[in-house]
Amino acid sequence: MDVLLLRDKIAEAGDRYAASLNVDPTDDWIILKTLEEAGELVQAFLRYSARARARGLTAEELKRALDDEIADLLGFSLVLAKRFDVDLLRALERKWHLPEGSLR
């Protein structure tokens, strides 16, 4: 799937999520939700890596929780990219020191 199509589909899902909570998805709300998801990813990672209590979850459930939190963080990152009109491929090339145009 094209990254712009993915970004747009996830941003639409983000709008539906905000509407389901009766929340206006302001810039502040989106950035704070992204930060919240980063914290939840850390928590899931600590449980998955046995550095926090597993709370009775199986290894499979811990892995799924880690996967889900990575997906949540990626999803809200895509929502931010849509909101601020980020050229994701160009930004990734720049930040990850890839040759210009290598992702486009």
N, C-alpha and C. Protein backbone atom coordinates (compact mmCIF):
# COMPACT_ATOMS: atom_id res chain seq x y z
N MET A 1 0.85 -1.18 0.00
CA MET A 1 0.00 0.00 0.00
C MET A 1 0.89 1.24 0.00
N ASP A 2 0.50 2.22 -0.75
CA ASP A 2 1.20 3.49 -0.81
C ASP A 2 1.14 4.18 0.56
N VAL A 3 2.24 4.79 0.97
CA VAL A 3 2.31 5.39 2.31
C VAL A 3 1.31 6.55 2.47
N LEU A 4 1.05 7.29 1.40
CA LEU A 4 0.07 8.38 1.52
C LEU A 4 -1.34 7.85 1.68
N LEU A 5 -1.65 6.77 1.00
CA LEU A 5 -2.95 6.13 1.15
C LEU A 5 -3.09 5.57 2.57
N LEU A 6 -2.04 4.93 3.06
CA LEU A 6 -2.05 4.42 4.43
C LEU A 6 -2.26 5.57 5.42
N ARG A 7 -1.51 6.65 5.24
CA ARG A 7 -1.64 7.82 6.12
C ARG A 7 -3.08 8.33 6.13
N ASP A 8 -3.66 8.45 4.94
CA ASP A 8 -5.01 8.99 4.84
C ASP A 8 -6.05 8.06 5.45
N LYS A 9 -5.92 6.76 5.24
CA LYS A 9 -6.87 5.80 5.82
C LYS A 9 -6.78 5.80 7.34
N ILE A 10 -5.57 5.85 7.87
CA ILE A 10 -5.40 5.87 9.32
C ILE A 10 -5.91 7.19 9.90
N ALA A 11 -5.69 8.31 9.20
CA ALA A 11 -6.20 9.60 9.68
C ALA A 11 -7.73 9.58 9.71
N GLU A 12 -8.37 8.97 8.72
CA GLU A 12 -9.83 8.84 8.73
C GLU A 12 -10.29 8.00 9.92
N ALA A 13 -9.57 6.91 10.18
CA ALA A 13 -9.91 6.08 11.34
C ALA A 13 -9.71 6.86 12.63
N GLY A 14 -8.68 7.70 12.68
CA GLY A 14 -8.45 8.55 13.84
C GLY A 14 -9.59 9.53 14.07
N ASP A 15 -10.11 10.06 12.99
CA ASP A 15 -11.27 10.97 13.10
C ASP A 15 -12.48 10.23 13.65
N ARG A 16 -12.70 9.00 13.18
CA ARG A 16 -13.84 8.20 13.69
C ARG A 16 -13.63 7.88 15.17
N TYR A 17 -12.39 7.56 15.54
CA TYR A 17 -12.08 7.27 16.94
C TYR A 17 -12.39 8.49 17.82
N ALA A 18 -11.93 9.66 17.40
CA ALA A 18 -12.19 10.88 18.18
C ALA A 18 -13.69 11.14 18.28
N ALA A 19 -14.40 10.96 17.17
CA ALA A 19 -15.85 11.17 17.18
C ALA A 19 -16.54 10.20 18.13
N SER A 20 -16.05 8.96 18.19
CA SER A 20 -16.65 7.97 19.09
C SER A 20 -16.47 8.35 20.56
N LEU A 21 -15.46 9.15 20.83
CA LEU A 21 -15.21 9.64 22.19
C LEU A 21 -15.83 11.01 22.42
N ASN A 22 -16.46 11.55 21.37
CA ASN A 22 -17.03 12.89 21.42
C ASN A 22 -15.95 13.93 21.74
N VAL A 23 -14.80 13.76 21.07
CA VAL A 23 -13.65 14.63 21.29
C VAL A 23 -13.34 15.39 20.00
N ASP A 24 -13.01 16.65 20.14
CA ASP A 24 -12.54 17.44 19.01
C ASP A 24 -11.05 17.14 18.86
N PRO A 25 -10.64 16.52 17.75
CA PRO A 25 -9.23 16.13 17.60
C PRO A 25 -8.33 17.32 17.26
N THR A 26 -8.11 18.17 18.24
CA THR A 26 -7.24 19.33 18.06
C THR A 26 -5.79 18.87 17.92
N ASP A 27 -4.94 19.79 17.50
CA ASP A 27 -3.51 19.47 17.43
C ASP A 27 -2.99 18.99 18.78
N ASP A 28 -3.40 19.68 19.85
CA ASP A 28 -2.96 19.29 21.19
C ASP A 28 -3.42 17.89 21.54
N TRP A 29 -4.67 17.57 21.24
CA TRP A 29 -5.20 16.24 21.57
C TRP A 29 -4.40 15.17 20.82
N ILE A 30 -4.12 15.40 19.56
CA ILE A 30 -3.40 14.40 18.77
C ILE A 30 -1.99 14.19 19.30
N ILE A 31 -1.28 15.26 19.61
CA ILE A 31 0.09 15.10 20.10
C ILE A 31 0.09 14.44 21.48
N LEU A 32 -0.89 14.78 22.32
CA LEU A 32 -0.96 14.15 23.64
C LEU A 32 -1.35 12.67 23.53
N LYS A 33 -2.23 12.32 22.60
CA LYS A 33 -2.57 10.90 22.38
C LYS A 33 -1.33 10.14 21.88
N THR A 34 -0.54 10.79 21.04
CA THR A 34 0.68 10.16 20.54
C THR A 34 1.63 9.88 21.70
N LEU A 35 1.77 10.85 22.58
CA LEU A 35 2.61 10.68 23.76
C LEU A 35 2.06 9.57 24.67
N GLU A 36 0.75 9.53 24.85
CA GLU A 36 0.12 8.48 25.64
C GLU A 36 0.44 7.11 25.05
N GLU A 37 0.34 6.99 23.74
CA GLU A 37 0.63 5.71 23.08
C GLU A 37 2.09 5.32 23.24
N ALA A 38 2.99 6.31 23.23
CA ALA A 38 4.41 6.00 23.46
C ALA A 38 4.60 5.42 24.86
N GLY A 39 3.93 5.99 25.83
CA GLY A 39 4.01 5.45 27.19
C GLY A 39 3.44 4.05 27.29
N GLU A 40 2.33 3.80 26.60
CA GLU A 40 1.74 2.47 26.61
C GLU A 40 2.65 1.46 25.92
N LEU A 41 3.38 1.90 24.90
CA LEU A 41 4.34 1.01 24.25
C LEU A 41 5.47 0.64 25.21
N VAL A 42 5.97 1.61 25.96
CA VAL A 42 7.01 1.32 26.94
C VAL A 42 6.50 0.31 27.96
N GLN A 43 5.28 0.52 28.44
CA GLN A 43 4.69 -0.40 29.41
C GLN A 43 4.57 -1.81 28.83
N ALA A 44 4.09 -1.92 27.60
CA ALA A 44 3.95 -3.23 26.96
C ALA A 44 5.31 -3.88 26.76
N PHE A 45 6.30 -3.09 26.38
CA PHE A 45 7.65 -3.62 26.19
C PHE A 45 8.22 -4.15 27.50
N LEU A 46 8.04 -3.40 28.58
CA LEU A 46 8.57 -3.85 29.87
C LEU A 46 7.91 -5.15 30.31
N ARG A 47 6.63 -5.30 30.07
CA ARG A 47 5.95 -6.55 30.40
C ARG A 47 6.45 -7.68 29.49
N TYR A 48 6.56 -7.40 28.21
CA TYR A 48 7.00 -8.41 27.23
C TYR A 48 8.42 -8.88 27.53
N SER A 49 9.28 -7.96 27.97
CA SER A 49 10.68 -8.30 28.26
C SER A 49 10.90 -8.73 29.71
N ALA A 50 9.81 -9.00 30.42
CA ALA A 50 9.85 -9.50 31.80
C ALA A 50 10.52 -8.53 32.77
N ARG A 51 10.39 -7.24 32.51
CA ARG A 51 10.91 -6.24 33.43
C ARG A 51 9.80 -5.52 34.17
N ALA A 52 8.57 -5.99 33.94
CA ALA A 52 7.41 -5.51 34.68
C ALA A 52 6.48 -6.70 34.83
N ARG A 53 5.58 -6.63 35.79
CA ARG A 53 4.65 -7.74 36.03
C ARG A 53 3.81 -8.03 34.79
N ALA A 54 3.67 -9.28 34.47
CA ALA A 54 2.91 -9.70 33.29
C ALA A 54 1.40 -9.67 33.56
N ARG A 55 1.01 -9.53 34.81
CA ARG A 55 -0.40 -9.45 35.21
C ARG A 55 -1.21 -10.64 34.70
N GLY A 56 -0.58 -11.81 34.72
CA GLY A 56 -1.29 -13.02 34.34
C GLY A 56 -1.41 -13.25 32.84
N LEU A 57 -0.80 -12.40 32.04
CA LEU A 57 -0.89 -12.56 30.59
C LEU A 57 0.08 -13.63 30.10
N THR A 58 -0.34 -14.36 29.08
CA THR A 58 0.52 -15.37 28.48
C THR A 58 1.56 -14.69 27.60
N ALA A 59 2.57 -15.45 27.19
CA ALA A 59 3.59 -14.91 26.29
C ALA A 59 2.95 -14.41 24.99
N GLU A 60 1.98 -15.14 24.50
CA GLU A 60 1.29 -14.73 23.28
C GLU A 60 0.53 -13.42 23.48
N GLU A 61 -0.14 -13.29 24.62
CA GLU A 61 -0.88 -12.06 24.92
C GLU A 61 0.07 -10.88 25.10
N LEU A 62 1.22 -11.12 25.72
CA LEU A 62 2.21 -10.05 25.88
C LEU A 62 2.74 -9.59 24.53
N LYS A 63 2.99 -10.53 23.63
CA LYS A 63 3.47 -10.18 22.28
C LYS A 63 2.40 -9.40 21.53
N ARG A 64 1.17 -9.85 21.63
CA ARG A 64 0.09 -9.14 20.95
C ARG A 64 -0.06 -7.71 21.49
N ALA A 65 0.06 -7.55 22.80
CA ALA A 65 -0.03 -6.21 23.39
C ALA A 65 1.11 -5.32 22.87
N LEU A 66 2.31 -5.87 22.75
CA LEU A 66 3.43 -5.11 22.19
C LEU A 66 3.14 -4.71 20.75
N ASP A 67 2.69 -5.67 19.96
CA ASP A 67 2.33 -5.39 18.56
C ASP A 67 1.28 -4.28 18.47
N ASP A 68 0.25 -4.39 19.31
CA ASP A 68 -0.84 -3.42 19.28
C ASP A 68 -0.37 -2.02 19.65
N GLU A 69 0.52 -1.92 20.61
CA GLU A 69 1.01 -0.61 21.02
C GLU A 69 1.93 0.00 19.97
N ILE A 70 2.71 -0.83 19.29
CA ILE A 70 3.52 -0.32 18.17
C ILE A 70 2.59 0.20 17.09
N ALA A 71 1.52 -0.55 16.81
CA ALA A 71 0.54 -0.11 15.80
C ALA A 71 -0.13 1.19 16.22
N ASP A 72 -0.47 1.32 17.50
CA ASP A 72 -1.09 2.56 17.98
C ASP A 72 -0.15 3.76 17.81
N LEU A 73 1.11 3.58 18.18
CA LEU A 73 2.06 4.68 18.05
C LEU A 73 2.28 5.05 16.58
N LEU A 74 2.41 4.05 15.73
CA LEU A 74 2.54 4.31 14.31
C LEU A 74 1.29 5.02 13.78
N GLY A 75 0.13 4.53 14.20
CA GLY A 75 -1.12 5.13 13.75
C GLY A 75 -1.22 6.60 14.11
N PHE A 76 -0.95 6.93 15.36
CA PHE A 76 -1.03 8.34 15.74
C PHE A 76 0.08 9.17 15.10
N SER A 77 1.22 8.56 14.81
CA SER A 77 2.26 9.27 14.06
C SER A 77 1.78 9.60 12.65
N LEU A 78 1.05 8.67 12.06
CA LEU A 78 0.48 8.92 10.73
C LEU A 78 -0.60 10.00 10.79
N VAL A 79 -1.40 10.00 11.85
CA VAL A 79 -2.40 11.06 12.03
C VAL A 79 -1.70 12.42 12.13
N LEU A 80 -0.62 12.49 12.88
CA LEU A 80 0.15 13.73 12.97
C LEU A 80 0.70 14.14 11.61
N ALA A 81 1.21 13.16 10.87
CA ALA A 81 1.77 13.45 9.54
C ALA A 81 0.71 14.04 8.62
N LYS A 82 -0.49 13.50 8.68
CA LYS A 82 -1.59 14.02 7.88
C LYS A 82 -1.95 15.44 8.34
N ARG A 83 -2.07 15.62 9.64
CA ARG A 83 -2.48 16.92 10.19
C ARG A 83 -1.51 18.02 9.78
N PHE A 84 -0.20 17.72 9.81
CA PHE A 84 0.80 18.74 9.54
C PHE A 84 1.41 18.63 8.14
N ASP A 85 0.74 17.86 7.29
CA ASP A 85 1.14 17.74 5.89
C ASP A 85 2.62 17.40 5.74
N VAL A 86 3.05 16.37 6.45
CA VAL A 86 4.44 15.93 6.41
C VAL A 86 4.67 15.06 5.18
N ASP A 87 5.71 15.35 4.45
CA ASP A 87 6.15 14.48 3.36
C ASP A 87 6.94 13.35 4.02
N LEU A 88 6.24 12.27 4.35
CA LEU A 88 6.83 11.19 5.14
C LEU A 88 8.06 10.58 4.50
N LEU A 89 7.98 10.31 3.22
CA LEU A 89 9.11 9.64 2.57
C LEU A 89 10.34 10.55 2.56
N ARG A 90 10.14 11.81 2.25
CA ARG A 90 11.27 12.76 2.26
C ARG A 90 11.83 12.90 3.67
N ALA A 91 10.95 13.00 4.67
CA ALA A 91 11.42 13.13 6.06
C ALA A 91 12.16 11.88 6.51
N LEU A 92 11.67 10.71 6.13
CA LEU A 92 12.38 9.47 6.49
C LEU A 92 13.75 9.39 5.83
N GLU A 93 13.81 9.77 4.58
CA GLU A 93 15.10 9.78 3.89
C GLU A 93 16.08 10.69 4.63
N ARG A 94 15.62 11.86 4.99
CA ARG A 94 16.48 12.84 5.66
C ARG A 94 16.91 12.35 7.03
N LYS A 95 15.94 11.91 7.84
CA LYS A 95 16.24 11.54 9.23
C LYS A 95 16.99 10.21 9.35
N TRP A 96 16.78 9.30 8.41
CA TRP A 96 17.43 8.00 8.48
C TRP A 96 18.63 7.90 7.55
N HIS A 97 19.07 9.06 7.04
CA HIS A 97 20.29 9.17 6.22
C HIS A 97 20.26 8.23 5.02
N LEU A 98 19.11 8.24 4.34
CA LEU A 98 18.97 7.46 3.11
C LEU A 98 19.21 8.38 1.92
N PRO A 99 19.63 7.82 0.81
CA PRO A 99 19.83 8.68 -0.37
C PRO A 99 18.52 9.38 -0.76
N GLU A 100 18.63 10.65 -1.13
CA GLU A 100 17.47 11.42 -1.54
C GLU A 100 16.77 10.73 -2.70
N GLY A 101 15.47 10.55 -2.58
CA GLY A 101 14.68 9.91 -3.62
C GLY A 101 14.63 8.39 -3.53
N SER A 102 15.33 7.81 -2.56
CA SER A 102 15.41 6.35 -2.48
C SER A 102 14.11 5.70 -2.01
N LEU A 103 13.24 6.46 -1.37
CA LEU A 103 11.95 5.93 -0.92
C LEU A 103 10.79 6.39 -1.80
N ARG A 104 11.09 7.30 -2.73
CA ARG A 104 10.02 7.86 -3.56
C ARG A 104 10.12 7.36 -4.97
